[in-house]
């Protein structure tokens, strides 16, 4: 799991808001985020992953699940380099052997 943050505007463009979440699953085109779903979530927002230093990935809300998870699609595909950076900083046991390539 990785810590992340979603950023969006409320009431048009008057108020910018952000909420913390956790990345449960991620691929090049989509992700599953753990976030409290009892509050209203916007249809479009930006996803920031501060540990991997990935900012402003545009997202669309696809599905809200009852177990406080949401499924999102990215507006652009993540590169393999970005995905590897996320896996390096992940706390998931399956990502334990990933190392950061400093040459790239």
PDB file of N, CA and C in Angstrom:
ATOM      1  N   UNK A   1       0.837  -1.179   0.000  1.00  0.00           N
ATOM      2  CA  UNK A   1       0.000   0.000   0.000  1.00  0.00           C
ATOM      3  C   UNK A   1       0.879   1.238   0.000  1.00  0.00           C
ATOM      4  N   UNK A   2       0.410   2.241  -0.690  1.00  0.00           N
ATOM      5  CA  UNK A   2       1.085   3.522  -0.742  1.00  0.00           C
ATOM      6  C   UNK A   2       0.134   4.607  -0.261  1.00  0.00           C
ATOM      7  N   UNK A   3       0.687   5.593   0.391  1.00  0.00           N
ATOM      8  CA  UNK A   3      -0.107   6.757   0.766  1.00  0.00           C
ATOM      9  C   UNK A   3      -0.273   7.645  -0.460  1.00  0.00           C
ATOM     10  N   UNK A   4      -1.439   8.241  -0.583  1.00  0.00           N
ATOM     11  CA  UNK A   4      -1.710   9.117  -1.719  1.00  0.00           C
ATOM     12  C   UNK A   4      -2.636  10.238  -1.267  1.00  0.00           C
ATOM     13  N   UNK A   5      -2.879  11.169  -2.177  1.00  0.00           N
ATOM     14  CA  UNK A   5      -3.759  12.293  -1.893  1.00  0.00           C
ATOM     15  C   UNK A   5      -4.536  12.618  -3.155  1.00  0.00           C
ATOM     16  N   UNK A   6      -5.834  12.880  -3.009  1.00  0.00           N
ATOM     17  CA  UNK A   6      -6.613  13.344  -4.147  1.00  0.00           C
ATOM     18  C   UNK A   6      -6.874  14.831  -3.960  1.00  0.00           C
ATOM     19  N   UNK A   7      -6.821  15.569  -5.061  1.00  0.00           N
ATOM     20  CA  UNK A   7      -7.073  17.010  -5.048  1.00  0.00           C
ATOM     21  C   UNK A   7      -8.177  17.307  -6.038  1.00  0.00           C
ATOM     22  N   UNK A   8      -9.110  18.138  -5.626  1.00  0.00           N
ATOM     23  CA  UNK A   8     -10.249  18.471  -6.478  1.00  0.00           C
ATOM     24  C   UNK A   8     -10.797  19.830  -6.076  1.00  0.00           C
ATOM     25  N   UNK A   9     -11.676  20.368  -6.900  1.00  0.00           N
ATOM     26  CA  UNK A   9     -12.300  21.652  -6.591  1.00  0.00           C
ATOM     27  C   UNK A   9     -13.739  21.417  -6.171  1.00  0.00           C
ATOM     28  N   UNK A  10     -14.157  22.171  -5.188  1.00  0.00           N
ATOM     29  CA  UNK A  10     -15.540  22.133  -4.733  1.00  0.00           C
ATOM     30  C   UNK A  10     -16.226  23.422  -5.159  1.00  0.00           C
ATOM     31  N   UNK A  11     -17.505  23.325  -5.444  1.00  0.00           N
ATOM     32  CA  UNK A  11     -18.311  24.493  -5.807  1.00  0.00           C
ATOM     33  C   UNK A  11     -17.699  25.244  -6.989  1.00  0.00           C
ATOM     34  N   UNK A  12     -17.519  24.520  -8.080  1.00  0.00           N
ATOM     35  CA  UNK A  12     -16.935  25.149  -9.267  1.00  0.00           C
ATOM     36  C   UNK A  12     -15.437  25.279  -9.118  1.00  0.00           C
ATOM     37  N   UNK A  13     -14.944  26.499  -9.187  1.00  0.00           N
ATOM     38  CA  UNK A  13     -13.508  26.729  -9.037  1.00  0.00           C
ATOM     39  C   UNK A  13     -13.211  27.576  -7.807  1.00  0.00           C
ATOM     40  N   UNK A  14     -14.146  27.654  -6.891  1.00  0.00           N
ATOM     41  CA  UNK A  14     -13.991  28.548  -5.749  1.00  0.00           C
ATOM     42  C   UNK A  14     -13.122  27.955  -4.636  1.00  0.00           C
ATOM     43  N   UNK A  15     -13.161  26.676  -4.443  1.00  0.00           N
ATOM     44  CA  UNK A  15     -12.507  26.092  -3.278  1.00  0.00           C
ATOM     45  C   UNK A  15     -11.775  24.817  -3.679  1.00  0.00           C
ATOM     46  N   UNK A  16     -10.472  24.778  -3.456  1.00  0.00           N
ATOM     47  CA  UNK A  16      -9.692  23.572  -3.730  1.00  0.00           C
ATOM     48  C   UNK A  16      -9.611  22.739  -2.457  1.00  0.00           C
ATOM     49  N   UNK A  17      -9.821  21.446  -2.585  1.00  0.00           N
ATOM     50  CA  UNK A  17      -9.802  20.546  -1.432  1.00  0.00           C
ATOM     51  C   UNK A  17      -8.914  19.355  -1.739  1.00  0.00           C
ATOM     52  N   UNK A  18      -8.426  18.725  -0.687  1.00  0.00           N
ATOM     53  CA  UNK A  18      -7.637  17.504  -0.856  1.00  0.00           C
ATOM     54  C   UNK A  18      -7.972  16.545   0.277  1.00  0.00           C
ATOM     55  N   UNK A  19      -7.877  15.261  -0.023  1.00  0.00           N
ATOM     56  CA  UNK A  19      -8.156  14.210   0.960  1.00  0.00           C
ATOM     57  C   UNK A  19      -7.107  13.124   0.839  1.00  0.00           C
ATOM     58  N   UNK A  20      -6.740  12.568   1.975  1.00  0.00           N
ATOM     59  CA  UNK A  20      -5.754  11.490   1.995  1.00  0.00           C
ATOM     60  C   UNK A  20      -6.422  10.163   1.682  1.00  0.00           C
ATOM     61  N   UNK A  21      -5.663   9.268   1.064  1.00  0.00           N
ATOM     62  CA  UNK A  21      -6.172   7.931   0.759  1.00  0.00           C
ATOM     63  C   UNK A  21      -4.987   6.970   0.675  1.00  0.00           C
ATOM     64  N   UNK A  22      -5.275   5.711   0.512  1.00  0.00           N
ATOM     65  CA  UNK A  22      -4.257   4.675   0.330  1.00  0.00           C
ATOM     66  C   UNK A  22      -4.506   3.969  -0.989  1.00  0.00           C
ATOM     67  N   UNK A  23      -3.428   3.640  -1.685  1.00  0.00           N
ATOM     68  CA  UNK A  23      -3.537   2.887  -2.929  1.00  0.00           C
ATOM     69  C   UNK A  23      -3.505   1.407  -2.572  1.00  0.00           C
ATOM     70  N   UNK A  24      -4.590   0.704  -2.879  1.00  0.00           N
ATOM     71  CA  UNK A  24      -4.680  -0.724  -2.584  1.00  0.00           C
ATOM     72  C   UNK A  24      -4.136  -1.539  -3.748  1.00  0.00           C
ATOM     73  N   UNK A  25      -4.553  -1.187  -4.972  1.00  0.00           N
ATOM     74  CA  UNK A  25      -4.083  -1.847  -6.199  1.00  0.00           C
ATOM     75  C   UNK A  25      -3.822  -0.779  -7.231  1.00  0.00           C
ATOM     76  N   UNK A  26      -2.838  -1.025  -8.089  1.00  0.00           N
ATOM     77  CA  UNK A  26      -2.551  -0.046  -9.139  1.00  0.00           C
ATOM     78  C   UNK A  26      -2.043  -0.768 -10.374  1.00  0.00           C
ATOM     79  N   UNK A  27      -2.410  -0.234 -11.530  1.00  0.00           N
ATOM     80  CA  UNK A  27      -1.887  -0.711 -12.808  1.00  0.00           C
ATOM     81  C   UNK A  27      -1.578   0.527 -13.639  1.00  0.00           C
ATOM     82  N   UNK A  28      -1.214   0.319 -14.887  1.00  0.00           N
ATOM     83  CA  UNK A  28      -0.882   1.456 -15.736  1.00  0.00           C
ATOM     84  C   UNK A  28      -2.094   2.329 -16.056  1.00  0.00           C
ATOM     85  N   UNK A  29      -3.289   1.755 -16.038  1.00  0.00           N
ATOM     86  CA  UNK A  29      -4.472   2.509 -16.452  1.00  0.00           C
ATOM     87  C   UNK A  29      -5.503   2.725 -15.356  1.00  0.00           C
ATOM     88  N   UNK A  30      -5.373   2.050 -14.215  1.00  0.00           N
ATOM     89  CA  UNK A  30      -6.397   2.188 -13.178  1.00  0.00           C
ATOM     90  C   UNK A  30      -5.802   1.923 -11.801  1.00  0.00           C
ATOM     91  N   UNK A  31      -6.611   2.221 -10.772  1.00  0.00           N
ATOM     92  CA  UNK A  31      -6.186   1.985  -9.394  1.00  0.00           C
ATOM     93  C   UNK A  31      -7.409   1.776  -8.520  1.00  0.00           C
ATOM     94  N   UNK A  32      -7.185   1.136  -7.389  1.00  0.00           N
ATOM     95  CA  UNK A  32      -8.200   1.006  -6.349  1.00  0.00           C
ATOM     96  C   UNK A  32      -7.688   1.758  -5.133  1.00  0.00           C
ATOM     97  N   UNK A  33      -8.484   2.709  -4.660  1.00  0.00           N
ATOM     98  CA  UNK A  33      -8.086   3.568  -3.554  1.00  0.00           C
ATOM     99  C   UNK A  33      -8.947   3.274  -2.336  1.00  0.00           C
ATOM    100  N   UNK A  34      -8.336   3.278  -1.167  1.00  0.00           N
ATOM    101  CA  UNK A  34      -9.067   3.137   0.096  1.00  0.00           C
ATOM    102  C   UNK A  34      -9.284   4.536   0.657  1.00  0.00           C
ATOM    103  N   UNK A  35     -10.548   4.943   0.742  1.00  0.00           N
ATOM    104  CA  UNK A  35     -10.908   6.280   1.209  1.00  0.00           C
ATOM    105  C   UNK A  35     -12.314   6.204   1.782  1.00  0.00           C
ATOM    106  N   UNK A  36     -12.626   7.042   2.745  1.00  0.00           N
ATOM    107  CA  UNK A  36     -13.979   7.053   3.300  1.00  0.00           C
ATOM    108  C   UNK A  36     -14.963   7.492   2.228  1.00  0.00           C
ATOM    109  N   UNK A  37     -15.925   6.637   1.936  1.00  0.00           N
ATOM    110  CA  UNK A  37     -16.861   6.923   0.848  1.00  0.00           C
ATOM    111  C   UNK A  37     -18.167   7.513   1.340  1.00  0.00           C
ATOM    112  N   UNK A  38     -18.293   7.775   2.640  1.00  0.00           N
ATOM    113  CA  UNK A  38     -19.534   8.363   3.126  1.00  0.00           C
ATOM    114  C   UNK A  38     -19.639   9.837   2.753  1.00  0.00           C
ATOM    115  N   UNK A  39     -18.523  10.458   2.400  1.00  0.00           N
ATOM    116  CA  UNK A  39     -18.536  11.819   1.898  1.00  0.00           C
ATOM    117  C   UNK A  39     -18.659  11.775   0.386  1.00  0.00           C
ATOM    118  N   UNK A  40     -19.173  12.823  -0.195  1.00  0.00           N
ATOM    119  CA  UNK A  40     -19.326  12.835  -1.655  1.00  0.00           C
ATOM    120  C   UNK A  40     -17.958  13.014  -2.309  1.00  0.00           C
ATOM    121  N   UNK A  41     -17.699  12.192  -3.290  1.00  0.00           N
ATOM    122  CA  UNK A  41     -16.447  12.264  -4.032  1.00  0.00           C
ATOM    123  C   UNK A  41     -16.716  12.854  -5.404  1.00  0.00           C
ATOM    124  N   UNK A  42     -15.791  13.646  -5.931  1.00  0.00           N
ATOM    125  CA  UNK A  42     -15.997  14.214  -7.265  1.00  0.00           C
ATOM    126  C   UNK A  42     -15.807  13.152  -8.349  1.00  0.00           C
ATOM    127  N   UNK A  43     -16.340  13.417  -9.521  1.00  0.00           N
ATOM    128  CA  UNK A  43     -16.176  12.493 -10.650  1.00  0.00           C
ATOM    129  C   UNK A  43     -14.781  12.589 -11.253  1.00  0.00           C
ATOM    130  N   UNK A  44     -14.167  13.781 -11.170  1.00  0.00           N
ATOM    131  CA  UNK A  44     -12.830  13.996 -11.723  1.00  0.00           C
ATOM    132  C   UNK A  44     -11.952  14.626 -10.654  1.00  0.00           C
ATOM    133  N   UNK A  45     -10.702  14.162 -10.573  1.00  0.00           N
ATOM    134  CA  UNK A  45      -9.778  14.714  -9.589  1.00  0.00           C
ATOM    135  C   UNK A  45      -8.355  14.367  -9.989  1.00  0.00           C
ATOM    136  N   UNK A  46      -7.405  14.942  -9.273  1.00  0.00           N
ATOM    137  CA  UNK A  46      -5.992  14.637  -9.462  1.00  0.00           C
ATOM    138  C   UNK A  46      -5.527  13.716  -8.350  1.00  0.00           C
ATOM    139  N   UNK A  47      -4.649  12.783  -8.690  1.00  0.00           N
ATOM    140  CA  UNK A  47      -4.055  11.874  -7.716  1.00  0.00           C
ATOM    141  C   UNK A  47      -2.581  12.217  -7.577  1.00  0.00           C
ATOM    142  N   UNK A  48      -2.136  12.434  -6.347  1.00  0.00           N
ATOM    143  CA  UNK A  48      -0.728  12.672  -6.037  1.00  0.00           C
ATOM    144  C   UNK A  48      -0.210  11.511  -5.207  1.00  0.00           C
ATOM    145  N   UNK A  49       0.991  11.044  -5.547  1.00  0.00           N
ATOM    146  CA  UNK A  49       1.649   9.987  -4.774  1.00  0.00           C
ATOM    147  C   UNK A  49       2.973  10.574  -4.284  1.00  0.00           C
ATOM    148  N   UNK A  50       2.990  11.161  -3.085  1.00  0.00           N
ATOM    149  CA  UNK A  50       4.171  11.909  -2.645  1.00  0.00           C
ATOM    150  C   UNK A  50       5.418  11.060  -2.423  1.00  0.00           C
ATOM    151  N   UNK A  51       5.285   9.819  -1.970  1.00  0.00           N
ATOM    152  CA  UNK A  51       6.466   8.982  -1.738  1.00  0.00           C
ATOM    153  C   UNK A  51       7.247   8.744  -3.022  1.00  0.00           C
ATOM    154  N   UNK A  52       6.548   8.493  -4.101  1.00  0.00           N
ATOM    155  CA  UNK A  52       7.190   8.230  -5.389  1.00  0.00           C
ATOM    156  C   UNK A  52       7.412   9.512  -6.189  1.00  0.00           C
ATOM    157  N   UNK A  53       7.018  10.650  -5.626  1.00  0.00           N
ATOM    158  CA  UNK A  53       7.150  11.965  -6.275  1.00  0.00           C
ATOM    159  C   UNK A  53       6.438  12.005  -7.629  1.00  0.00           C
ATOM    160  N   UNK A  54       5.219  11.499  -7.642  1.00  0.00           N
ATOM    161  CA  UNK A  54       4.372  11.547  -8.833  1.00  0.00           C
ATOM    162  C   UNK A  54       3.209  12.470  -8.511  1.00  0.00           C
ATOM    163  N   UNK A  55       3.060  13.527  -9.310  1.00  0.00           N
ATOM    164  CA  UNK A  55       2.033  14.529  -9.018  1.00  0.00           C
ATOM    165  C   UNK A  55       1.068  14.666 -10.181  1.00  0.00           C
ATOM    166  N   UNK A  56      -0.136  15.056  -9.838  1.00  0.00           N
ATOM    167  CA  UNK A  56      -1.160  15.476 -10.795  1.00  0.00           C
ATOM    168  C   UNK A  56      -1.448  14.445 -11.883  1.00  0.00           C
ATOM    169  N   UNK A  57      -1.833  13.256 -11.481  1.00  0.00           N
ATOM    170  CA  UNK A  57      -2.317  12.256 -12.429  1.00  0.00           C
ATOM    171  C   UNK A  57      -3.834  12.412 -12.482  1.00  0.00           C
ATOM    172  N   UNK A  58      -4.365  12.791 -13.631  1.00  0.00           N
ATOM    173  CA  UNK A  58      -5.802  12.984 -13.765  1.00  0.00           C
ATOM    174  C   UNK A  58      -6.550  11.670 -13.651  1.00  0.00           C
ATOM    175  N   UNK A  59      -7.673  11.677 -12.913  1.00  0.00           N
ATOM    176  CA  UNK A  59      -8.439  10.453 -12.660  1.00  0.00           C
ATOM    177  C   UNK A  59      -9.927  10.684 -12.865  1.00  0.00           C
ATOM    178  N   UNK A  60     -10.612   9.607 -13.244  1.00  0.00           N
ATOM    179  CA  UNK A  60     -12.072   9.569 -13.311  1.00  0.00           C
ATOM    180  C   UNK A  60     -12.569   8.522 -12.329  1.00  0.00           C
ATOM    181  N   UNK A  61     -13.591   8.866 -11.573  1.00  0.00           N
ATOM    182  CA  UNK A  61     -14.192   7.933 -10.630  1.00  0.00           C
ATOM    183  C   UNK A  61     -15.061   6.951 -11.403  1.00  0.00           C
ATOM    184  N   UNK A  62     -14.759   5.658 -11.291  1.00  0.00           N
ATOM    185  CA  UNK A  62     -15.507   4.642 -12.020  1.00  0.00           C
ATOM    186  C   UNK A  62     -16.557   3.957 -11.151  1.00  0.00           C
ATOM    187  N   UNK A  63     -16.180   3.573  -9.931  1.00  0.00           N
ATOM    188  CA  UNK A  63     -17.083   2.794  -9.089  1.00  0.00           C
ATOM    189  C   UNK A  63     -16.778   3.066  -7.620  1.00  0.00           C
ATOM    190  N   UNK A  64     -17.833   3.215  -6.832  1.00  0.00           N
ATOM    191  CA  UNK A  64     -17.702   3.369  -5.382  1.00  0.00           C
ATOM    192  C   UNK A  64     -18.195   2.078  -4.735  1.00  0.00           C
ATOM    193  N   UNK A  65     -17.337   1.425  -3.974  1.00  0.00           N
ATOM    194  CA  UNK A  65     -17.685   0.165  -3.319  1.00  0.00           C
ATOM    195  C   UNK A  65     -18.128   0.414  -1.879  1.00  0.00           C
ATOM    196  N   UNK A  66     -18.853  -0.528  -1.320  1.00  0.00           N
ATOM    197  CA  UNK A  66     -19.383  -0.386   0.039  1.00  0.00           C
ATOM    198  C   UNK A  66     -18.311  -0.550   1.110  1.00  0.00           C
ATOM    199  N   UNK A  67     -17.183  -1.132   0.779  1.00  0.00           N
ATOM    200  CA  UNK A  67     -16.132  -1.375   1.772  1.00  0.00           C
ATOM    201  C   UNK A  67     -15.097  -0.246   1.811  1.00  0.00           C
ATOM    202  N   UNK A  68     -15.529   0.983   1.554  1.00  0.00           N
ATOM    203  CA  UNK A  68     -14.682   2.181   1.589  1.00  0.00           C
ATOM    204  C   UNK A  68     -13.521   2.123   0.594  1.00  0.00           C
ATOM    205  N   UNK A  69     -13.770   1.573  -0.571  1.00  0.00           N
ATOM    206  CA  UNK A  69     -12.800   1.618  -1.661  1.00  0.00           C
ATOM    207  C   UNK A  69     -13.481   2.175  -2.898  1.00  0.00           C
ATOM    208  N   UNK A  70     -12.687   2.795  -3.748  1.00  0.00           N
ATOM    209  CA  UNK A  70     -13.187   3.315  -5.019  1.00  0.00           C
ATOM    210  C   UNK A  70     -12.255   2.848  -6.127  1.00  0.00           C
ATOM    211  N   UNK A  71     -12.818   2.652  -7.308  1.00  0.00           N
ATOM    212  CA  UNK A  71     -12.036   2.296  -8.479  1.00  0.00           C
ATOM    213  C   UNK A  71     -11.961   3.519  -9.378  1.00  0.00           C
ATOM    214  N   UNK A  72     -10.750   3.840  -9.826  1.00  0.00           N
ATOM    215  CA  UNK A  72     -10.537   5.010 -10.674  1.00  0.00           C
ATOM    216  C   UNK A  72      -9.774   4.601 -11.925  1.00  0.00           C
ATOM    217  N   UNK A  73      -9.976   5.365 -12.992  1.00  0.00           N
ATOM    218  CA  UNK A  73      -9.221   5.203 -14.238  1.00  0.00           C
ATOM    219  C   UNK A  73      -8.374   6.447 -14.427  1.00  0.00           C
ATOM    220  N   UNK A  74      -7.179   6.268 -14.951  1.00  0.00           N
ATOM    221  CA  UNK A  74      -6.294   7.393 -15.201  1.00  0.00           C
ATOM    222  C   UNK A  74      -6.583   7.992 -16.571  1.00  0.00           C
ATOM    223  N   UNK A  75      -6.406   9.292 -16.691  1.00  0.00           N
ATOM    224  CA  UNK A  75      -6.608   9.962 -17.971  1.00  0.00           C
ATOM    225  C   UNK A  75      -5.426   9.747 -18.914  1.00  0.00           C
ATOM    226  N   UNK A  76      -4.293   9.368 -18.368  1.00  0.00           N
ATOM    227  CA  UNK A  76      -3.142   8.966 -19.184  1.00  0.00           C
ATOM    228  C   UNK A  76      -2.552   7.712 -18.563  1.00  0.00           C
ATOM    229  N   UNK A  77      -1.895   6.918 -19.372  1.00  0.00           N
ATOM    230  CA  UNK A  77      -1.266   5.704 -18.853  1.00  0.00           C
ATOM    231  C   UNK A  77      -0.027   6.062 -18.044  1.00  0.00           C
ATOM    232  N   UNK A  78       0.160   5.391 -16.927  1.00  0.00           N
ATOM    233  CA  UNK A  78       1.402   5.540 -16.184  1.00  0.00           C
ATOM    234  C   UNK A  78       2.509   4.820 -16.945  1.00  0.00           C
ATOM    235  N   UNK A  79       3.691   5.384 -16.928  1.00  0.00           N
ATOM    236  CA  UNK A  79       4.821   4.722 -17.570  1.00  0.00           C
ATOM    237  C   UNK A  79       5.326   3.603 -16.660  1.00  0.00           C
ATOM    238  N   UNK A  80       6.093   2.707 -17.226  1.00  0.00           N
ATOM    239  CA  UNK A  80       6.658   1.615 -16.431  1.00  0.00           C
ATOM    240  C   UNK A  80       7.620   2.161 -15.381  1.00  0.00           C
ATOM    241  N   UNK A  81       8.312   3.240 -15.701  1.00  0.00           N
ATOM    242  CA  UNK A  81       9.222   3.865 -14.740  1.00  0.00           C
ATOM    243  C   UNK A  81       8.457   4.407 -13.532  1.00  0.00           C
ATOM    244  N   UNK A  82       7.310   5.051 -13.769  1.00  0.00           N
ATOM    245  CA  UNK A  82       6.486   5.565 -12.674  1.00  0.00           C
ATOM    246  C   UNK A  82       5.922   4.421 -11.837  1.00  0.00           C
ATOM    247  N   UNK A  83       5.491   3.369 -12.501  1.00  0.00           N
ATOM    248  CA  UNK A  83       4.949   2.214 -11.789  1.00  0.00           C
ATOM    249  C   UNK A  83       6.018   1.556 -10.908  1.00  0.00           C
ATOM    250  N   UNK A  84       7.242   1.465 -11.410  1.00  0.00           N
ATOM    251  CA  UNK A  84       8.334   0.897 -10.619  1.00  0.00           C
ATOM    252  C   UNK A  84       8.656   1.772  -9.410  1.00  0.00           C
ATOM    253  N   UNK A  85       8.590   3.106  -9.578  1.00  0.00           N
ATOM    254  CA  UNK A  85       8.826   4.004  -8.445  1.00  0.00           C
ATOM    255  C   UNK A  85       7.769   3.806  -7.366  1.00  0.00           C
ATOM    256  N   UNK A  86       6.531   3.565  -7.774  1.00  0.00           N
ATOM    257  CA  UNK A  86       5.459   3.315  -6.812  1.00  0.00           C
ATOM    258  C   UNK A  86       5.715   2.003  -6.080  1.00  0.00           C
ATOM    259  N   UNK A  87       6.135   0.970  -6.799  1.00  0.00           N
ATOM    260  CA  UNK A  87       6.391  -0.330  -6.186  1.00  0.00           C
ATOM    261  C   UNK A  87       7.582  -0.289  -5.227  1.00  0.00           C
ATOM    262  N   UNK A  88       8.585   0.535  -5.517  1.00  0.00           N
ATOM    263  CA  UNK A  88       9.754   0.645  -4.642  1.00  0.00           C
ATOM    264  C   UNK A  88       9.346   1.161  -3.265  1.00  0.00           C
ATOM    265  N   UNK A  89       8.451   2.144  -3.231  1.00  0.00           N
ATOM    266  CA  UNK A  89       8.038   2.749  -1.963  1.00  0.00           C
ATOM    267  C   UNK A  89       6.804   2.081  -1.362  1.00  0.00           C
ATOM    268  N   UNK A  90       6.353   0.983  -1.936  1.00  0.00           N
ATOM    269  CA  UNK A  90       5.171   0.287  -1.441  1.00  0.00           C
ATOM    270  C   UNK A  90       5.502  -0.540  -0.198  1.00  0.00           C
ATOM    271  N   UNK A  91       4.513  -0.693   0.676  1.00  0.00           N
ATOM    272  CA  UNK A  91       4.688  -1.530   1.866  1.00  0.00           C
ATOM    273  C   UNK A  91       4.123  -2.930   1.664  1.00  0.00           C
ATOM    274  N   UNK A  92       3.674  -3.243   0.468  1.00  0.00           N
ATOM    275  CA  UNK A  92       3.099  -4.555   0.183  1.00  0.00           C
ATOM    276  C   UNK A  92       4.210  -5.607   0.150  1.00  0.00           C
ATOM    277  N   UNK A  93       3.990  -6.790   0.738  1.00  0.00           N
ATOM    278  CA  UNK A  93       5.034  -7.826   0.753  1.00  0.00           C
ATOM    279  C   UNK A  93       5.456  -8.301  -0.634  1.00  0.00           C
ATOM    280  N   UNK A  94       4.583  -8.249  -1.610  1.00  0.00           N
ATOM    281  CA  UNK A  94       4.942  -8.693  -2.960  1.00  0.00           C
ATOM    282  C   UNK A  94       5.911  -7.729  -3.644  1.00  0.00           C
ATOM    283  N   UNK A  95       6.022  -6.505  -3.137  1.00  0.00           N
ATOM    284  CA  UNK A  95       6.898  -5.504  -3.755  1.00  0.00           C
ATOM    285  C   UNK A  95       8.200  -5.333  -2.981  1.00  0.00           C
ATOM    286  N   UNK A  96       8.520  -6.295  -2.144  1.00  0.00           N
ATOM    287  CA  UNK A  96       9.690  -6.187  -1.284  1.00  0.00           C
ATOM    288  C   UNK A  96      10.998  -6.192  -2.073  1.00  0.00           C
ATOM    289  N   UNK A  97      11.054  -6.866  -3.211  1.00  0.00           N
ATOM    290  CA  UNK A  97      12.305  -7.021  -3.956  1.00  0.00           C
ATOM    291  C   UNK A  97      12.542  -5.928  -4.990  1.00  0.00           C
ATOM    292  N   UNK A  98      11.660  -4.950  -5.090  1.00  0.00           N
ATOM    293  CA  UNK A  98      11.854  -3.869  -6.054  1.00  0.00           C
ATOM    294  C   UNK A  98      12.899  -2.892  -5.525  1.00  0.00           C
ATOM    295  N   UNK A  99      13.801  -2.483  -6.411  1.00  0.00           N
ATOM    296  CA  UNK A  99      14.816  -1.491  -6.063  1.00  0.00           C
ATOM    297  C   UNK A  99      14.731  -0.340  -7.054  1.00  0.00           C
ATOM    298  N   UNK A 100      15.165   0.820  -6.612  1.00  0.00           N
ATOM    299  CA  UNK A 100      15.115   2.017  -7.435  1.00  0.00           C
ATOM    300  C   UNK A 100      16.313   2.045  -8.368  1.00  0.00           C
ATOM    301  N   UNK A 101      16.070   2.221  -9.662  1.00  0.00           N
ATOM    302  CA  UNK A 101      17.131   2.306 -10.656  1.00  0.00           C
ATOM    303  C   UNK A 101      17.533   3.768 -10.781  1.00  0.00           C
ATOM    304  N   UNK A 102      18.726   4.128 -10.304  1.00  0.00           N
ATOM    305  CA  UNK A 102      19.143   5.525 -10.321  1.00  0.00           C
ATOM    306  C   UNK A 102      19.741   5.937 -11.664  1.00  0.00           C
ATOM    307  N   UNK A 103      19.966   4.991 -12.551  1.00  0.00           N
ATOM    308  CA  UNK A 103      20.523   5.324 -13.860  1.00  0.00           C
ATOM    309  C   UNK A 103      19.483   5.939 -14.778  1.00  0.00           C
ATOM    310  N   UNK A 104      18.235   5.597 -14.591  1.00  0.00           N
ATOM    311  CA  UNK A 104      17.191   6.055 -15.513  1.00  0.00           C
ATOM    312  C   UNK A 104      16.707   7.443 -15.174  1.00  0.00           C
TER     313      UNK A 104
END
